[in-house]
Amino acid sequence: MRRAVLILGLTAALAAPAAAGDLDQRPVGENPEYVLTGCEAPKAPKQGRIRTVDEYNEAVDRHASYLEAVMAHLGCIQTEAQADYDRLAGAIHAATTAEVTAMQEEIDAAKFELDERRERFLEESGVR
């Protein structure tokens, strides 16, 4: 029951809009900026002047190649972002799990101490 309360509280805290955690020992901040670093965006081809059917066909081919490069780039950024997200989610999960575990251990230790003191009180006071 206590663990469920802690987890429920933690879930509610994670849903809150305020950010107070650190990422790589730096505050996340209110408006974090994510920068893609592993994917280079393709440049649109310069088509220039088209004077013949062959030049037009070559321009169409360049444009088709450009679209293929754009699709590959989109796949690259999706893969990079997902990998970063997975690492970040894993780090957040590990940190919150460790905190919940530590708090549960403290709660259990405090309850054990309270129970011991109750027993000692009952023995010493003769209330039983």
N, C-alpha and C. Protein backbone atom coordinates (compact mmCIF):
# COMPACT_ATOMS: atom_id res chain seq x y z
N MET A 1 0.83 -1.19 0.00
CA MET A 1 0.00 0.00 0.00
C MET A 1 0.86 1.25 0.00
N ARG A 2 1.86 1.27 0.88
CA ARG A 2 2.73 2.45 0.95
C ARG A 2 3.47 2.66 -0.36
N ARG A 3 3.94 1.57 -0.94
CA ARG A 3 4.66 1.66 -2.22
C ARG A 3 3.73 2.22 -3.29
N ALA A 4 2.47 1.79 -3.28
CA ALA A 4 1.51 2.30 -4.26
C ALA A 4 1.30 3.80 -4.07
N VAL A 5 1.26 4.25 -2.82
CA VAL A 5 1.10 5.68 -2.56
C VAL A 5 2.32 6.45 -3.07
N LEU A 6 3.50 5.92 -2.80
CA LEU A 6 4.71 6.57 -3.30
C LEU A 6 4.74 6.63 -4.81
N ILE A 7 4.41 5.53 -5.46
CA ILE A 7 4.44 5.48 -6.91
C ILE A 7 3.37 6.40 -7.49
N LEU A 8 2.19 6.42 -6.88
CA LEU A 8 1.14 7.31 -7.33
C LEU A 8 1.56 8.76 -7.19
N GLY A 9 2.18 9.09 -6.06
CA GLY A 9 2.69 10.44 -5.86
C GLY A 9 3.77 10.80 -6.85
N LEU A 10 4.64 9.86 -7.12
CA LEU A 10 5.71 10.09 -8.09
C LEU A 10 5.13 10.30 -9.48
N THR A 11 4.13 9.51 -9.85
CA THR A 11 3.50 9.66 -11.16
C THR A 11 2.85 11.03 -11.29
N ALA A 12 2.19 11.47 -10.24
CA ALA A 12 1.57 12.79 -10.27
C ALA A 12 2.63 13.87 -10.38
N ALA A 13 3.73 13.69 -9.69
CA ALA A 13 4.80 14.68 -9.74
C ALA A 13 5.41 14.75 -11.13
N LEU A 14 5.56 13.61 -11.79
CA LEU A 14 6.12 13.60 -13.14
C LEU A 14 5.19 14.26 -14.14
N ALA A 15 3.89 14.21 -13.88
CA ALA A 15 2.93 14.81 -14.78
C ALA A 15 2.87 16.33 -14.62
N ALA A 16 3.39 16.85 -13.53
CA ALA A 16 3.38 18.29 -13.28
C ALA A 16 4.26 19.01 -14.28
N PRO A 17 3.90 20.24 -14.65
CA PRO A 17 4.66 20.95 -15.67
C PRO A 17 6.02 21.46 -15.22
N ALA A 18 6.22 21.64 -13.94
CA ALA A 18 7.49 22.18 -13.46
C ALA A 18 8.61 21.15 -13.61
N ALA A 19 9.77 21.63 -14.00
CA ALA A 19 10.93 20.76 -14.14
C ALA A 19 11.98 21.17 -13.11
N ALA A 20 12.42 20.20 -12.32
CA ALA A 20 13.39 20.53 -11.30
C ALA A 20 14.60 19.62 -11.37
N GLY A 21 14.61 18.68 -12.28
CA GLY A 21 15.71 17.73 -12.36
C GLY A 21 16.91 18.31 -13.09
N ASP A 22 17.99 17.55 -13.01
CA ASP A 22 19.21 17.91 -13.73
C ASP A 22 19.47 16.85 -14.79
N LEU A 23 20.09 17.26 -15.85
CA LEU A 23 20.52 16.36 -16.90
C LEU A 23 22.01 16.56 -17.06
N ASP A 24 22.78 15.51 -16.81
CA ASP A 24 24.24 15.60 -16.84
C ASP A 24 24.73 16.72 -15.91
N GLN A 25 24.17 16.77 -14.72
CA GLN A 25 24.51 17.73 -13.67
C GLN A 25 24.23 19.19 -14.07
N ARG A 26 23.34 19.39 -15.03
CA ARG A 26 22.92 20.74 -15.40
C ARG A 26 21.40 20.80 -15.29
N PRO A 27 20.86 21.90 -14.78
CA PRO A 27 19.40 22.01 -14.68
C PRO A 27 18.77 21.88 -16.07
N VAL A 28 17.64 21.19 -16.12
CA VAL A 28 16.94 21.03 -17.40
C VAL A 28 16.42 22.38 -17.87
N GLY A 29 15.93 23.20 -16.97
CA GLY A 29 15.41 24.52 -17.34
C GLY A 29 13.97 24.45 -17.79
N GLU A 30 13.38 25.61 -17.97
CA GLU A 30 11.97 25.67 -18.33
C GLU A 30 11.74 25.51 -19.83
N ASN A 31 12.70 25.88 -20.64
CA ASN A 31 12.55 25.78 -22.09
C ASN A 31 13.76 25.08 -22.68
N PRO A 32 13.89 23.77 -22.43
CA PRO A 32 15.06 23.09 -22.95
C PRO A 32 15.05 23.07 -24.48
N GLU A 33 16.22 23.11 -25.05
CA GLU A 33 16.34 23.07 -26.50
C GLU A 33 17.07 21.80 -26.88
N TYR A 34 16.49 21.07 -27.79
CA TYR A 34 17.07 19.82 -28.27
C TYR A 34 17.71 20.09 -29.62
N VAL A 35 18.94 19.61 -29.79
CA VAL A 35 19.66 19.82 -31.05
C VAL A 35 20.04 18.46 -31.62
N LEU A 36 19.65 18.23 -32.85
CA LEU A 36 20.05 17.01 -33.55
C LEU A 36 21.51 17.17 -33.96
N THR A 37 22.30 16.13 -33.76
CA THR A 37 23.73 16.26 -34.07
C THR A 37 24.25 15.21 -35.04
N GLY A 38 23.50 14.16 -35.29
CA GLY A 38 24.04 13.05 -36.06
C GLY A 38 23.54 12.96 -37.49
N CYS A 39 22.74 13.91 -37.94
CA CYS A 39 22.14 13.81 -39.27
C CYS A 39 22.35 15.13 -40.03
N GLU A 40 22.86 15.01 -41.22
CA GLU A 40 23.08 16.21 -42.04
C GLU A 40 21.95 16.36 -43.04
N ALA A 41 21.30 17.51 -43.01
CA ALA A 41 20.18 17.76 -43.92
C ALA A 41 20.68 17.95 -45.35
N PRO A 42 19.96 17.38 -46.30
CA PRO A 42 20.36 17.57 -47.70
C PRO A 42 20.03 18.98 -48.16
N LYS A 43 20.75 19.44 -49.14
CA LYS A 43 20.50 20.76 -49.73
C LYS A 43 19.66 20.58 -51.00
N ALA A 44 18.72 21.47 -51.17
CA ALA A 44 17.90 21.42 -52.38
C ALA A 44 18.80 21.72 -53.59
N PRO A 45 18.57 21.02 -54.68
CA PRO A 45 19.41 21.25 -55.85
C PRO A 45 19.10 22.58 -56.51
N LYS A 46 20.11 23.19 -57.05
CA LYS A 46 19.92 24.40 -57.85
C LYS A 46 19.56 23.94 -59.25
N GLN A 47 18.42 24.35 -59.72
CA GLN A 47 17.96 23.86 -61.01
C GLN A 47 18.45 24.73 -62.18
N GLY A 48 18.65 25.97 -61.94
CA GLY A 48 19.12 26.83 -63.04
C GLY A 48 18.08 26.96 -64.13
N ARG A 49 18.57 27.41 -65.24
CA ARG A 49 17.68 27.62 -66.39
C ARG A 49 17.54 26.32 -67.17
N ILE A 50 16.32 26.03 -67.57
CA ILE A 50 16.05 24.81 -68.34
C ILE A 50 15.67 25.24 -69.76
N ARG A 51 16.45 24.72 -70.72
CA ARG A 51 16.24 25.13 -72.11
C ARG A 51 15.82 23.98 -73.03
N THR A 52 16.04 22.74 -72.55
CA THR A 52 15.72 21.60 -73.42
C THR A 52 14.96 20.56 -72.61
N VAL A 53 14.40 19.62 -73.32
CA VAL A 53 13.70 18.51 -72.67
C VAL A 53 14.68 17.70 -71.84
N ASP A 54 15.87 17.49 -72.35
CA ASP A 54 16.87 16.73 -71.60
C ASP A 54 17.25 17.44 -70.30
N GLU A 55 17.42 18.76 -70.37
CA GLU A 55 17.74 19.54 -69.14
C GLU A 55 16.59 19.44 -68.14
N TYR A 56 15.36 19.48 -68.66
CA TYR A 56 14.20 19.34 -67.77
C TYR A 56 14.21 17.95 -67.12
N ASN A 57 14.45 16.91 -67.90
CA ASN A 57 14.48 15.55 -67.35
C ASN A 57 15.59 15.41 -66.30
N GLU A 58 16.74 16.02 -66.55
CA GLU A 58 17.83 16.00 -65.57
C GLU A 58 17.42 16.73 -64.29
N ALA A 59 16.69 17.85 -64.43
CA ALA A 59 16.21 18.60 -63.28
C ALA A 59 15.22 17.77 -62.47
N VAL A 60 14.36 17.06 -63.16
CA VAL A 60 13.40 16.18 -62.48
C VAL A 60 14.15 15.08 -61.73
N ASP A 61 15.17 14.52 -62.35
CA ASP A 61 15.97 13.48 -61.69
C ASP A 61 16.68 14.04 -60.45
N ARG A 62 17.23 15.26 -60.56
CA ARG A 62 17.89 15.88 -59.39
C ARG A 62 16.89 16.09 -58.26
N HIS A 63 15.69 16.52 -58.63
CA HIS A 63 14.66 16.75 -57.62
C HIS A 63 14.25 15.43 -56.97
N ALA A 64 14.11 14.38 -57.75
CA ALA A 64 13.76 13.07 -57.20
C ALA A 64 14.86 12.58 -56.26
N SER A 65 16.11 12.79 -56.65
CA SER A 65 17.23 12.40 -55.77
C SER A 65 17.19 13.20 -54.48
N TYR A 66 16.87 14.48 -54.60
CA TYR A 66 16.76 15.33 -53.42
C TYR A 66 15.66 14.81 -52.49
N LEU A 67 14.51 14.44 -53.04
CA LEU A 67 13.42 13.92 -52.21
C LEU A 67 13.83 12.63 -51.52
N GLU A 68 14.56 11.78 -52.19
CA GLU A 68 15.06 10.55 -51.56
C GLU A 68 16.00 10.89 -50.41
N ALA A 69 16.85 11.89 -50.61
CA ALA A 69 17.78 12.31 -49.55
C ALA A 69 17.01 12.89 -48.36
N VAL A 70 15.94 13.64 -48.64
CA VAL A 70 15.11 14.19 -47.57
C VAL A 70 14.47 13.05 -46.77
N MET A 71 13.96 12.05 -47.45
CA MET A 71 13.34 10.91 -46.75
C MET A 71 14.37 10.18 -45.89
N ALA A 72 15.57 10.01 -46.42
CA ALA A 72 16.64 9.37 -45.64
C ALA A 72 16.99 10.23 -44.42
N HIS A 73 17.02 11.54 -44.60
CA HIS A 73 17.31 12.46 -43.50
C HIS A 73 16.23 12.36 -42.42
N LEU A 74 14.98 12.34 -42.84
CA LEU A 74 13.89 12.21 -41.86
C LEU A 74 14.00 10.91 -41.07
N GLY A 75 14.37 9.83 -41.76
CA GLY A 75 14.59 8.57 -41.06
C GLY A 75 15.74 8.67 -40.07
N CYS A 76 16.80 9.37 -40.47
CA CYS A 76 17.96 9.54 -39.60
C CYS A 76 17.59 10.32 -38.34
N ILE A 77 16.86 11.44 -38.51
CA ILE A 77 16.53 12.24 -37.32
C ILE A 77 15.54 11.51 -36.43
N GLN A 78 14.65 10.72 -37.03
CA GLN A 78 13.73 9.93 -36.20
C GLN A 78 14.51 8.90 -35.38
N THR A 79 15.46 8.25 -36.00
CA THR A 79 16.28 7.25 -35.29
C THR A 79 17.10 7.91 -34.19
N GLU A 80 17.73 9.05 -34.50
CA GLU A 80 18.53 9.76 -33.50
C GLU A 80 17.68 10.24 -32.34
N ALA A 81 16.55 10.85 -32.65
CA ALA A 81 15.68 11.36 -31.59
C ALA A 81 15.15 10.23 -30.72
N GLN A 82 14.77 9.12 -31.34
CA GLN A 82 14.25 7.99 -30.56
C GLN A 82 15.33 7.42 -29.64
N ALA A 83 16.55 7.31 -30.16
CA ALA A 83 17.65 6.80 -29.33
C ALA A 83 17.92 7.74 -28.16
N ASP A 84 17.91 9.05 -28.41
CA ASP A 84 18.11 10.02 -27.33
C ASP A 84 16.97 9.95 -26.33
N TYR A 85 15.75 9.86 -26.83
CA TYR A 85 14.59 9.76 -25.95
C TYR A 85 14.67 8.51 -25.08
N ASP A 86 15.03 7.39 -25.69
CA ASP A 86 15.14 6.14 -24.93
C ASP A 86 16.20 6.25 -23.84
N ARG A 87 17.35 6.85 -24.15
CA ARG A 87 18.39 7.03 -23.13
C ARG A 87 17.91 7.97 -22.01
N LEU A 88 17.25 9.05 -22.39
CA LEU A 88 16.75 9.99 -21.39
C LEU A 88 15.66 9.35 -20.53
N ALA A 89 14.73 8.66 -21.17
CA ALA A 89 13.68 7.98 -20.40
C ALA A 89 14.27 6.94 -19.46
N GLY A 90 15.29 6.23 -19.92
CA GLY A 90 15.96 5.25 -19.07
C GLY A 90 16.63 5.90 -17.87
N ALA A 91 17.28 7.04 -18.11
CA ALA A 91 17.95 7.76 -17.01
C ALA A 91 16.93 8.29 -16.01
N ILE A 92 15.82 8.82 -16.49
CA ILE A 92 14.77 9.33 -15.60
C ILE A 92 14.16 8.17 -14.81
N HIS A 93 13.90 7.07 -15.48
CA HIS A 93 13.33 5.90 -14.80
C HIS A 93 14.28 5.38 -13.72
N ALA A 94 15.56 5.28 -14.05
CA ALA A 94 16.54 4.78 -13.07
C ALA A 94 16.62 5.72 -11.86
N ALA A 95 16.64 7.02 -12.12
CA ALA A 95 16.74 7.98 -11.01
C ALA A 95 15.49 7.96 -10.13
N THR A 96 14.32 7.92 -10.75
CA THR A 96 13.09 7.93 -9.95
C THR A 96 12.90 6.61 -9.23
N THR A 97 13.27 5.51 -9.85
CA THR A 97 13.18 4.21 -9.18
C THR A 97 14.11 4.16 -7.98
N ALA A 98 15.32 4.67 -8.15
CA ALA A 98 16.27 4.70 -7.03
C ALA A 98 15.73 5.57 -5.89
N GLU A 99 15.13 6.70 -6.22
CA GLU A 99 14.58 7.59 -5.20
C GLU A 99 13.41 6.93 -4.48
N VAL A 100 12.52 6.30 -5.23
CA VAL A 100 11.37 5.61 -4.61
C VAL A 100 11.87 4.48 -3.72
N THR A 101 12.85 3.73 -4.17
CA THR A 101 13.41 2.63 -3.37
C THR A 101 14.03 3.16 -2.09
N ALA A 102 14.79 4.24 -2.21
CA ALA A 102 15.41 4.83 -1.02
C ALA A 102 14.36 5.33 -0.03
N MET A 103 13.33 5.97 -0.54
CA MET A 103 12.28 6.47 0.34
C MET A 103 11.53 5.31 0.99
N GLN A 104 11.29 4.24 0.24
CA GLN A 104 10.61 3.08 0.82
C GLN A 104 11.45 2.47 1.93
N GLU A 105 12.76 2.40 1.72
CA GLU A 105 13.64 1.88 2.77
C GLU A 105 13.60 2.75 4.01
N GLU A 106 13.56 4.07 3.82
CA GLU A 106 13.45 4.98 4.97
C GLU A 106 12.12 4.80 5.69
N ILE A 107 11.05 4.67 4.93
CA ILE A 107 9.73 4.46 5.53
C ILE A 107 9.71 3.16 6.32
N ASP A 108 10.26 2.10 5.73
CA ASP A 108 10.29 0.81 6.42
C ASP A 108 11.13 0.89 7.70
N ALA A 109 12.27 1.56 7.64
CA ALA A 109 13.13 1.70 8.82
C ALA A 109 12.42 2.52 9.90
N ALA A 110 11.75 3.59 9.50
CA ALA A 110 11.03 4.42 10.47
C ALA A 110 9.89 3.64 11.10
N LYS A 111 9.18 2.84 10.31
CA LYS A 111 8.09 2.02 10.85
C LYS A 111 8.62 0.96 11.79
N PHE A 112 9.74 0.34 11.45
CA PHE A 112 10.36 -0.65 12.32
C PHE A 112 10.74 -0.01 13.66
N GLU A 113 11.35 1.19 13.59
CA GLU A 113 11.74 1.88 14.82
C GLU A 113 10.50 2.24 15.65
N LEU A 114 9.46 2.70 14.99
CA LEU A 114 8.22 3.02 15.70
C LEU A 114 7.64 1.79 16.38
N ASP A 115 7.62 0.66 15.68
CA ASP A 115 7.10 -0.58 16.26
C ASP A 115 7.94 -1.03 17.45
N GLU A 116 9.27 -0.91 17.33
CA GLU A 116 10.13 -1.28 18.45
C GLU A 116 9.85 -0.39 19.66
N ARG A 117 9.70 0.89 19.45
CA ARG A 117 9.44 1.81 20.56
C ARG A 117 8.07 1.55 21.18
N ARG A 118 7.11 1.18 20.33
CA ARG A 118 5.78 0.84 20.84
C ARG A 118 5.88 -0.38 21.77
N GLU A 119 6.60 -1.39 21.30
CA GLU A 119 6.75 -2.60 22.12
C GLU A 119 7.45 -2.29 23.44
N ARG A 120 8.52 -1.47 23.36
CA ARG A 120 9.24 -1.10 24.57
C ARG A 120 8.33 -0.31 25.52
N PHE A 121 7.55 0.61 24.97
CA PHE A 121 6.61 1.39 25.78
C PHE A 121 5.60 0.48 26.46
N LEU A 122 5.06 -0.46 25.69
CA LEU A 122 4.06 -1.37 26.27
C LEU A 122 4.66 -2.21 27.38
N GLU A 123 5.88 -2.68 27.20
CA GLU A 123 6.54 -3.48 28.23
C GLU A 123 6.83 -2.65 29.46
N GLU A 124 7.35 -1.43 29.25
CA GLU A 124 7.75 -0.61 30.39
C GLU A 124 6.56 -0.02 31.12
N SER A 125 5.47 0.23 30.41
CA SER A 125 4.32 0.88 31.05
C SER A 125 3.35 -0.11 31.66
N GLY A 126 3.46 -1.35 31.27
CA GLY A 126 2.53 -2.35 31.79
C GLY A 126 1.13 -2.20 31.24
N VAL A 127 0.98 -1.55 30.09
CA VAL A 127 -0.34 -1.31 29.51
C VAL A 127 -0.96 -2.61 29.00
N ARG A 128 -0.22 -3.57 28.66
CA ARG A 128 -0.74 -4.81 28.07
C ARG A 128 -1.71 -5.47 28.92
